[in-house]
């Protein structure tokens, strides 16, 4: 699974045909959902003002 430059192997996620309201009614297309397992080795910041996800690897 890849999100920007973050790459993880053998992690759970959900991908598929979502209902129309879920896939595109938020102003962007949702094609899949990464799980906590993907984000676990990162410090995650959601910058909602600039609509960015910032991920810093943790030691």
N, C-alpha and C. Protein backbone atom coordinates (compact mmCIF):
# COMPACT_ATOMS: atom_id res chain seq x y z
N UNK A 1 0.85 -1.15 0.00
CA UNK A 1 0.00 0.00 0.00
C UNK A 1 0.90 1.23 0.00
N UNK A 2 0.50 2.24 -0.73
CA UNK A 2 1.30 3.46 -0.84
C UNK A 2 0.39 4.67 -0.63
N UNK A 3 0.88 5.61 0.15
CA UNK A 3 0.23 6.91 0.32
C UNK A 3 1.33 7.94 0.22
N UNK A 4 1.42 8.60 -0.94
CA UNK A 4 2.53 9.51 -1.18
C UNK A 4 3.82 8.72 -1.21
N UNK A 5 4.79 9.13 -0.40
CA UNK A 5 6.06 8.41 -0.35
C UNK A 5 6.09 7.32 0.72
N UNK A 6 5.02 7.20 1.51
CA UNK A 6 4.94 6.16 2.54
C UNK A 6 4.51 4.85 1.89
N UNK A 7 5.29 3.82 2.09
CA UNK A 7 5.01 2.50 1.51
C UNK A 7 5.04 1.47 2.62
N UNK A 8 4.02 0.62 2.68
CA UNK A 8 3.98 -0.48 3.64
C UNK A 8 3.57 -1.74 2.89
N UNK A 9 4.10 -2.85 3.31
CA UNK A 9 3.77 -4.15 2.71
C UNK A 9 3.02 -5.00 3.72
N UNK A 10 2.14 -5.84 3.21
CA UNK A 10 1.41 -6.81 4.04
C UNK A 10 0.61 -6.16 5.16
N UNK A 11 -0.11 -5.09 4.85
CA UNK A 11 -0.99 -4.44 5.82
C UNK A 11 -2.44 -4.55 5.35
N UNK A 12 -3.35 -4.52 6.28
CA UNK A 12 -4.77 -4.60 5.96
C UNK A 12 -5.28 -3.28 5.40
N UNK A 13 -6.29 -3.35 4.58
CA UNK A 13 -6.94 -2.17 4.03
C UNK A 13 -8.26 -2.59 3.44
N UNK A 14 -9.03 -1.63 2.99
CA UNK A 14 -10.32 -1.91 2.38
C UNK A 14 -10.39 -1.16 1.06
N UNK A 15 -10.67 -1.89 0.02
CA UNK A 15 -10.78 -1.29 -1.30
C UNK A 15 -11.93 -1.98 -2.03
N UNK A 16 -12.63 -1.23 -2.84
CA UNK A 16 -13.73 -1.84 -3.56
C UNK A 16 -14.70 -0.82 -4.07
N UNK A 17 -15.83 -1.30 -4.48
CA UNK A 17 -16.89 -0.43 -4.97
C UNK A 17 -17.72 0.04 -3.78
N UNK A 18 -17.55 1.29 -3.40
CA UNK A 18 -18.30 1.86 -2.28
C UNK A 18 -19.61 2.45 -2.80
N UNK A 19 -20.61 2.63 -1.94
CA UNK A 19 -21.83 3.31 -2.37
C UNK A 19 -21.50 4.71 -2.89
N UNK A 20 -22.25 5.20 -3.83
CA UNK A 20 -22.01 6.51 -4.46
C UNK A 20 -21.86 7.62 -3.42
N UNK A 21 -22.75 7.64 -2.42
CA UNK A 21 -22.69 8.71 -1.41
C UNK A 21 -21.38 8.68 -0.64
N UNK A 22 -20.83 7.49 -0.41
CA UNK A 22 -19.59 7.38 0.35
C UNK A 22 -18.37 7.65 -0.52
N UNK A 23 -18.43 7.22 -1.76
CA UNK A 23 -17.25 7.32 -2.63
C UNK A 23 -16.96 8.73 -3.09
N UNK A 24 -17.98 9.58 -3.26
CA UNK A 24 -17.68 10.89 -3.86
C UNK A 24 -18.41 12.08 -3.25
N UNK A 25 -19.17 11.92 -2.21
CA UNK A 25 -19.93 13.05 -1.66
C UNK A 25 -19.16 13.92 -0.67
N UNK A 26 -17.88 13.64 -0.45
CA UNK A 26 -17.09 14.41 0.50
C UNK A 26 -16.21 15.46 -0.19
N UNK A 27 -16.33 15.60 -1.49
CA UNK A 27 -15.52 16.57 -2.23
C UNK A 27 -14.26 15.97 -2.82
N UNK A 28 -14.04 14.69 -2.59
CA UNK A 28 -12.90 13.97 -3.16
C UNK A 28 -13.32 12.51 -3.28
N UNK A 29 -12.66 11.76 -4.15
CA UNK A 29 -13.02 10.37 -4.38
C UNK A 29 -12.33 9.47 -3.36
N UNK A 30 -13.10 8.58 -2.78
CA UNK A 30 -12.55 7.59 -1.85
C UNK A 30 -12.52 6.26 -2.59
N UNK A 31 -11.34 5.76 -2.86
CA UNK A 31 -11.19 4.49 -3.57
C UNK A 31 -10.73 3.38 -2.67
N UNK A 32 -10.27 3.73 -1.45
CA UNK A 32 -9.81 2.73 -0.50
C UNK A 32 -9.56 3.37 0.85
N UNK A 33 -9.47 2.54 1.87
CA UNK A 33 -9.26 3.01 3.22
C UNK A 33 -8.09 2.26 3.85
N UNK A 34 -7.00 2.95 4.17
CA UNK A 34 -5.91 2.29 4.90
C UNK A 34 -6.33 2.09 6.35
N UNK A 35 -5.74 1.12 7.02
CA UNK A 35 -6.06 0.84 8.41
C UNK A 35 -4.98 1.39 9.35
N UNK A 36 -5.22 1.27 10.63
CA UNK A 36 -4.26 1.71 11.64
C UNK A 36 -2.90 1.07 11.44
N UNK A 37 -2.91 -0.16 10.98
CA UNK A 37 -1.66 -0.90 10.75
C UNK A 37 -0.75 -0.16 9.76
N UNK A 38 -1.33 0.51 8.78
CA UNK A 38 -0.53 1.27 7.81
C UNK A 38 0.12 2.48 8.49
N UNK A 39 -0.63 3.20 9.32
CA UNK A 39 -0.16 4.45 9.91
C UNK A 39 0.67 4.26 11.18
N UNK A 40 0.66 3.07 11.76
CA UNK A 40 1.28 2.83 13.06
C UNK A 40 2.73 3.29 13.20
N UNK A 41 3.62 3.12 12.21
CA UNK A 41 5.01 3.55 12.42
C UNK A 41 5.26 5.04 12.12
N UNK A 42 4.20 5.83 12.00
CA UNK A 42 4.34 7.25 11.66
C UNK A 42 3.68 8.13 12.71
N UNK A 43 4.22 9.32 12.89
CA UNK A 43 3.52 10.39 13.60
C UNK A 43 2.65 11.05 12.54
N UNK A 44 1.36 11.04 12.73
CA UNK A 44 0.40 11.48 11.71
C UNK A 44 -0.21 12.82 12.10
N UNK A 45 -0.16 13.78 11.19
CA UNK A 45 -0.79 15.08 11.39
C UNK A 45 -1.76 15.31 10.25
N UNK A 46 -3.00 15.65 10.57
CA UNK A 46 -3.99 16.01 9.56
C UNK A 46 -4.10 17.53 9.55
N UNK A 47 -3.63 18.16 8.50
CA UNK A 47 -3.70 19.61 8.34
C UNK A 47 -4.96 19.91 7.55
N UNK A 48 -6.05 20.16 8.26
CA UNK A 48 -7.34 20.35 7.60
C UNK A 48 -7.46 21.72 6.93
N UNK A 49 -6.69 22.68 7.38
CA UNK A 49 -6.70 24.00 6.74
C UNK A 49 -6.13 23.91 5.33
N UNK A 50 -5.01 23.21 5.17
CA UNK A 50 -4.37 23.07 3.87
C UNK A 50 -4.72 21.76 3.17
N UNK A 51 -5.55 20.92 3.83
CA UNK A 51 -5.97 19.62 3.28
C UNK A 51 -4.75 18.76 2.94
N UNK A 52 -3.87 18.59 3.96
CA UNK A 52 -2.67 17.77 3.78
C UNK A 52 -2.59 16.73 4.89
N UNK A 53 -1.97 15.61 4.58
CA UNK A 53 -1.63 14.61 5.56
C UNK A 53 -0.12 14.61 5.69
N UNK A 54 0.38 14.82 6.90
CA UNK A 54 1.82 14.85 7.15
C UNK A 54 2.17 13.59 7.94
N UNK A 55 3.15 12.85 7.46
CA UNK A 55 3.57 11.60 8.10
C UNK A 55 5.07 11.62 8.31
N UNK A 56 5.47 11.53 9.58
CA UNK A 56 6.88 11.48 9.94
C UNK A 56 7.16 10.11 10.55
N UNK A 57 8.16 9.39 10.04
CA UNK A 57 8.49 8.10 10.65
C UNK A 57 8.91 8.27 12.11
N UNK A 58 8.48 7.35 12.96
CA UNK A 58 8.89 7.37 14.36
C UNK A 58 10.01 6.36 14.55
N UNK A 59 10.81 6.57 15.55
CA UNK A 59 11.97 5.70 15.77
C UNK A 59 11.60 4.41 16.45
